[in-house]
Amino acid sequence: MRVFRIREGAKVPKRAHAADAGMDLFYCPAKEHALYGMDFCVHSNESKIIPTGIKVEVPYGYMLEIKNKSSVAAKQQLLVGACVVDSGYDGEVFVNLHNVGAATRIIQPGQKIAQAVMIPVVPCEVEEVTEDSLNENSARGDGSLGSTGDK
């Protein structure tokens, strides 16, 4: 994956260990942001779009999925919202963080905020059919949450 730092202070994504699936992403304040170079506050029950200061070139046939960093989620109650970077996207990478905790969380420039995982995309055709033709060979049927007896 090729990475371009669009701002001074931006960090290239990196794995903490060679065998890690995810690459750490870091907060990098935008110059046009009123708080450039300063901490970023995410209040309780609030969502914020956090800039990383990087652009990435995701290879065709892949996507970059931005996921929770377990330590950030467990210790700070900051969870990643839906974040997919498609191979055709060429803008800055942002992380959608939700504070599900009771306390305001402070994010400092250069702090790890999430992780990115490169995932192959399986192309498929979409075919509209009738409901009767769906899952013709399924023993499960239309049972949903809890239908297998899980408690």
C-alpha atoms as a PDB file:
ATOM      1  CA  MET A   1       0.000   0.000   0.000  1.00  0.00           C
ATOM      2  CA  ARG A   2       1.348   3.377  -0.971  1.00  0.00           C
ATOM      3  CA  VAL A   3       0.878   6.276   1.481  1.00  0.00           C
ATOM      4  CA  PHE A   4       1.224  10.025   1.049  1.00  0.00           C
ATOM      5  CA  ARG A   5       1.462  12.336   4.074  1.00  0.00           C
ATOM      6  CA  ILE A   6      -0.566  15.457   3.265  1.00  0.00           C
ATOM      7  CA  ARG A   7       0.425  17.353   6.419  1.00  0.00           C
ATOM      8  CA  GLU A   8       3.464  17.796   8.568  1.00  0.00           C
ATOM      9  CA  GLY A   9       3.172  15.581  11.614  1.00  0.00           C
ATOM     10  CA  ALA A  10       1.181  12.858   9.841  1.00  0.00           C
ATOM     11  CA  LYS A  11       2.369   9.329  10.546  1.00  0.00           C
ATOM     12  CA  VAL A  12       2.470   6.461   8.078  1.00  0.00           C
ATOM     13  CA  PRO A  13       0.315   3.506   9.215  1.00  0.00           C
ATOM     14  CA  LYS A  14       2.407   0.786  10.816  1.00  0.00           C
ATOM     15  CA  ARG A  15       2.114  -2.605  12.416  1.00  0.00           C
ATOM     16  CA  ALA A  16       3.300  -2.862  16.009  1.00  0.00           C
ATOM     17  CA  HIS A  17       4.405  -6.454  15.281  1.00  0.00           C
ATOM     18  CA  ALA A  18       5.200  -8.118  11.959  1.00  0.00           C
ATOM     19  CA  ALA A  19       2.374 -10.672  12.321  1.00  0.00           C
ATOM     20  CA  ASP A  20      -0.340  -8.096  13.193  1.00  0.00           C
ATOM     21  CA  ALA A  21      -3.290  -7.920  10.797  1.00  0.00           C
ATOM     22  CA  GLY A  22      -3.922  -4.248  11.447  1.00  0.00           C
ATOM     23  CA  MET A  23      -1.797  -1.165  10.888  1.00  0.00           C
ATOM     24  CA  ASP A  24      -2.113   1.596  13.489  1.00  0.00           C
ATOM     25  CA  LEU A  25      -3.659   4.895  12.372  1.00  0.00           C
ATOM     26  CA  PHE A  26      -2.860   8.167  14.121  1.00  0.00           C
ATOM     27  CA  TYR A  27      -4.624  11.486  14.698  1.00  0.00           C
ATOM     28  CA  CYS A  28      -3.121  14.369  12.714  1.00  0.00           C
ATOM     29  CA  PRO A  29      -4.871  17.745  13.069  1.00  0.00           C
ATOM     30  CA  ALA A  30      -5.851  19.624   9.928  1.00  0.00           C
ATOM     31  CA  LYS A  31      -4.374  23.122   9.499  1.00  0.00           C
ATOM     32  CA  GLU A  32      -7.767  24.532   8.536  1.00  0.00           C
ATOM     33  CA  HIS A  33      -9.195  23.140  11.780  1.00  0.00           C
ATOM     34  CA  ALA A  34      -9.629  25.811  14.459  1.00  0.00           C
ATOM     35  CA  LEU A  35      -7.658  23.669  16.911  1.00  0.00           C
ATOM     36  CA  TYR A  36      -4.702  22.912  14.629  1.00  0.00           C
ATOM     37  CA  GLY A  37      -1.935  21.243  16.575  1.00  0.00           C
ATOM     38  CA  MET A  38      -4.106  20.866  19.623  1.00  0.00           C
ATOM     39  CA  ASP A  39      -5.946  18.054  21.352  1.00  0.00           C
ATOM     40  CA  PHE A  40      -9.274  16.832  19.996  1.00  0.00           C
ATOM     41  CA  CYS A  41     -12.197  16.307  22.404  1.00  0.00           C
ATOM     42  CA  VAL A  42     -14.852  13.644  21.900  1.00  0.00           C
ATOM     43  CA  HIS A  43     -17.616  14.132  24.452  1.00  0.00           C
ATOM     44  CA  SER A  44     -19.762  11.340  25.895  1.00  0.00           C
ATOM     45  CA  ASN A  45     -22.314   9.976  23.374  1.00  0.00           C
ATOM     46  CA  GLU A  46     -20.702  12.034  20.606  1.00  0.00           C
ATOM     47  CA  SER A  47     -19.239  11.038  17.250  1.00  0.00           C
ATOM     48  CA  LYS A  48     -16.371  12.885  15.588  1.00  0.00           C
ATOM     49  CA  ILE A  49     -14.599  12.530  12.274  1.00  0.00           C
ATOM     50  CA  ILE A  50     -10.880  12.402  13.095  1.00  0.00           C
ATOM     51  CA  PRO A  51      -8.303  13.340  10.408  1.00  0.00           C
ATOM     52  CA  THR A  52      -5.210  11.181   9.886  1.00  0.00           C
ATOM     53  CA  GLY A  53      -3.246  13.463   7.555  1.00  0.00           C
ATOM     54  CA  ILE A  54      -2.667  10.671   5.023  1.00  0.00           C
ATOM     55  CA  LYS A  55      -3.904   9.532   1.650  1.00  0.00           C
ATOM     56  CA  VAL A  56      -3.540   5.891   0.678  1.00  0.00           C
ATOM     57  CA  GLU A  57      -3.485   4.020  -2.585  1.00  0.00           C
ATOM     58  CA  VAL A  58      -5.504   0.874  -1.989  1.00  0.00           C
ATOM     59  CA  PRO A  59      -4.741  -1.704  -4.707  1.00  0.00           C
ATOM     60  CA  TYR A  60      -7.567  -2.672  -7.067  1.00  0.00           C
ATOM     61  CA  GLY A  61      -9.401  -5.732  -5.721  1.00  0.00           C
ATOM     62  CA  TYR A  62      -8.896  -4.690  -2.076  1.00  0.00           C
ATOM     63  CA  MET A  63     -10.406  -2.369   0.490  1.00  0.00           C
ATOM     64  CA  LEU A  64      -8.949  -0.872   3.619  1.00  0.00           C
ATOM     65  CA  GLU A  65     -11.285  -1.444   6.557  1.00  0.00           C
ATOM     66  CA  ILE A  66     -10.792   0.793   9.564  1.00  0.00           C
ATOM     67  CA  LYS A  67     -11.463  -1.090  12.768  1.00  0.00           C
ATOM     68  CA  ASN A  68     -11.352  -0.620  16.516  1.00  0.00           C
ATOM     69  CA  LYS A  69      -7.986  -0.678  18.184  1.00  0.00           C
ATOM     70  CA  SER A  70      -8.688  -2.908  21.174  1.00  0.00           C
ATOM     71  CA  SER A  71      -6.815  -0.744  23.690  1.00  0.00           C
ATOM     72  CA  VAL A  72      -8.600   2.434  22.533  1.00  0.00           C
ATOM     73  CA  ALA A  73     -11.985   0.704  22.650  1.00  0.00           C
ATOM     74  CA  ALA A  74     -11.447  -0.977  26.030  1.00  0.00           C
ATOM     75  CA  LYS A  75      -9.655   1.792  27.900  1.00  0.00           C
ATOM     76  CA  GLN A  76     -11.224   4.905  26.361  1.00  0.00           C
ATOM     77  CA  GLN A  77     -14.605   3.599  25.125  1.00  0.00           C
ATOM     78  CA  LEU A  78     -13.912   5.029  21.653  1.00  0.00           C
ATOM     79  CA  LEU A  79     -15.422   2.836  18.931  1.00  0.00           C
ATOM     80  CA  VAL A  80     -14.956   3.118  15.175  1.00  0.00           C
ATOM     81  CA  GLY A  81     -18.039   3.734  13.064  1.00  0.00           C
ATOM     82  CA  ALA A  82     -18.463   2.418   9.553  1.00  0.00           C
ATOM     83  CA  CYS A  83     -15.160   3.144   7.794  1.00  0.00           C
ATOM     84  CA  VAL A  84     -14.249   1.566   4.463  1.00  0.00           C
ATOM     85  CA  VAL A  85     -11.636   3.009   2.127  1.00  0.00           C
ATOM     86  CA  ASP A  86     -12.266   1.781  -1.425  1.00  0.00           C
ATOM     87  CA  SER A  87      -9.535   1.314  -4.005  1.00  0.00           C
ATOM     88  CA  GLY A  88     -10.826   4.257  -6.047  1.00  0.00           C
ATOM     89  CA  TYR A  89     -10.819   6.759  -3.160  1.00  0.00           C
ATOM     90  CA  ASP A  90      -7.991   9.283  -3.289  1.00  0.00           C
ATOM     91  CA  GLY A  91      -8.835  11.724  -0.487  1.00  0.00           C
ATOM     92  CA  GLU A  92      -7.655  11.957   3.100  1.00  0.00           C
ATOM     93  CA  VAL A  93      -8.407   8.995   5.355  1.00  0.00           C
ATOM     94  CA  PHE A  94     -10.659   9.908   8.274  1.00  0.00           C
ATOM     95  CA  VAL A  95     -11.725   7.808  11.257  1.00  0.00           C
ATOM     96  CA  ASN A  96     -15.288   8.032  12.577  1.00  0.00           C
ATOM     97  CA  LEU A  97     -14.989   7.678  16.371  1.00  0.00           C
ATOM     98  CA  HIS A  98     -17.950   7.265  18.760  1.00  0.00           C
ATOM     99  CA  ASN A  99     -17.490   7.895  22.474  1.00  0.00           C
ATOM    100  CA  VAL A 100     -19.753   5.333  24.171  1.00  0.00           C
ATOM    101  CA  GLY A 101     -18.343   6.074  27.622  1.00  0.00           C
ATOM    102  CA  ALA A 102     -19.445   8.562  30.282  1.00  0.00           C
ATOM    103  CA  ALA A 103     -16.316  10.744  30.224  1.00  0.00           C
ATOM    104  CA  THR A 104     -15.037  13.164  27.582  1.00  0.00           C
ATOM    105  CA  ARG A 105     -12.004  11.690  25.820  1.00  0.00           C
ATOM    106  CA  ILE A 106      -9.023  13.739  24.700  1.00  0.00           C
ATOM    107  CA  ILE A 107      -7.106  12.715  21.575  1.00  0.00           C
ATOM    108  CA  GLN A 108      -3.636  14.203  21.191  1.00  0.00           C
ATOM    109  CA  PRO A 109      -1.798  14.723  17.895  1.00  0.00           C
ATOM    110  CA  GLY A 110       0.112  11.574  16.980  1.00  0.00           C
ATOM    111  CA  GLN A 111      -2.043   9.344  19.204  1.00  0.00           C
ATOM    112  CA  LYS A 112      -3.144   5.939  17.907  1.00  0.00           C
ATOM    113  CA  ILE A 113      -6.879   6.042  17.196  1.00  0.00           C
ATOM    114  CA  ALA A 114      -7.728   2.933  15.162  1.00  0.00           C
ATOM    115  CA  GLN A 115      -6.258   0.252  12.954  1.00  0.00           C
ATOM    116  CA  ALA A 116      -6.593  -0.453   9.247  1.00  0.00           C
ATOM    117  CA  VAL A 117      -6.817  -3.933   7.736  1.00  0.00           C
ATOM    118  CA  MET A 118      -6.334  -4.640   4.020  1.00  0.00           C
ATOM    119  CA  ILE A 119      -9.092  -6.999   2.859  1.00  0.00           C
ATOM    120  CA  PRO A 120      -9.645  -8.645  -0.537  1.00  0.00           C
ATOM    121  CA  VAL A 121     -12.917  -7.694  -2.231  1.00  0.00           C
ATOM    122  CA  VAL A 122     -14.820 -10.516  -3.906  1.00  0.00           C
ATOM    123  CA  PRO A 123     -16.662  -9.203  -6.963  1.00  0.00           C
ATOM    124  CA  CYS A 124     -20.136 -10.618  -7.405  1.00  0.00           C
ATOM    125  CA  GLU A 125     -23.141 -10.140  -9.607  1.00  0.00           C
ATOM    126  CA  VAL A 126     -26.410  -9.052  -8.017  1.00  0.00           C
ATOM    127  CA  GLU A 127     -29.513 -10.825  -9.262  1.00  0.00           C
ATOM    128  CA  GLU A 128     -33.005  -9.952  -8.101  1.00  0.00           C
ATOM    129  CA  VAL A 129     -35.131 -13.062  -7.482  1.00  0.00           C
ATOM    130  CA  THR A 130     -38.405 -14.036  -5.843  1.00  0.00           C
ATOM    131  CA  GLU A 131     -38.480 -14.827  -2.118  1.00  0.00           C
ATOM    132  CA  ASP A 132     -39.429 -18.450  -2.807  1.00  0.00           C
ATOM    133  CA  SER A 133     -36.177 -19.046  -4.684  1.00  0.00           C
ATOM    134  CA  LEU A 134     -33.937 -17.801  -1.848  1.00  0.00           C
ATOM    135  CA  ASN A 135     -32.258 -20.467   0.310  1.00  0.00           C
ATOM    136  CA  GLU A 136     -34.128 -23.326  -1.377  1.00  0.00           C
ATOM    137  CA  ASN A 137     -31.724 -25.808   0.197  1.00  0.00           C
ATOM    138  CA  SER A 138     -31.592 -24.265   3.680  1.00  0.00           C
ATOM    139  CA  ALA A 139     -32.646 -26.263   6.716  1.00  0.00           C
ATOM    140  CA  ARG A 140     -32.618 -23.114   8.847  1.00  0.00           C
ATOM    141  CA  GLY A 141     -35.341 -21.184   7.071  1.00  0.00           C
ATOM    142  CA  ASP A 142     -36.078 -17.612   8.086  1.00  0.00           C
ATOM    143  CA  GLY A 143     -35.140 -17.936  11.763  1.00  0.00           C
ATOM    144  CA  SER A 144     -33.205 -14.913  12.957  1.00  0.00           C
ATOM    145  CA  LEU A 145     -31.758 -13.764  16.269  1.00  0.00           C
ATOM    146  CA  GLY A 146     -31.854 -16.558  18.824  1.00  0.00           C
ATOM    147  CA  SER A 147     -33.493 -19.053  16.440  1.00  0.00           C
ATOM    148  CA  THR A 148     -30.808 -21.697  17.096  1.00  0.00           C
ATOM    149  CA  GLY A 149     -31.408 -21.682  20.856  1.00  0.00           C
ATOM    150  CA  ASP A 150     -28.451 -19.438  21.790  1.00  0.00           C
ATOM    151  CA  LYS A 151     -28.988 -17.450  24.985  1.00  0.00           C
END
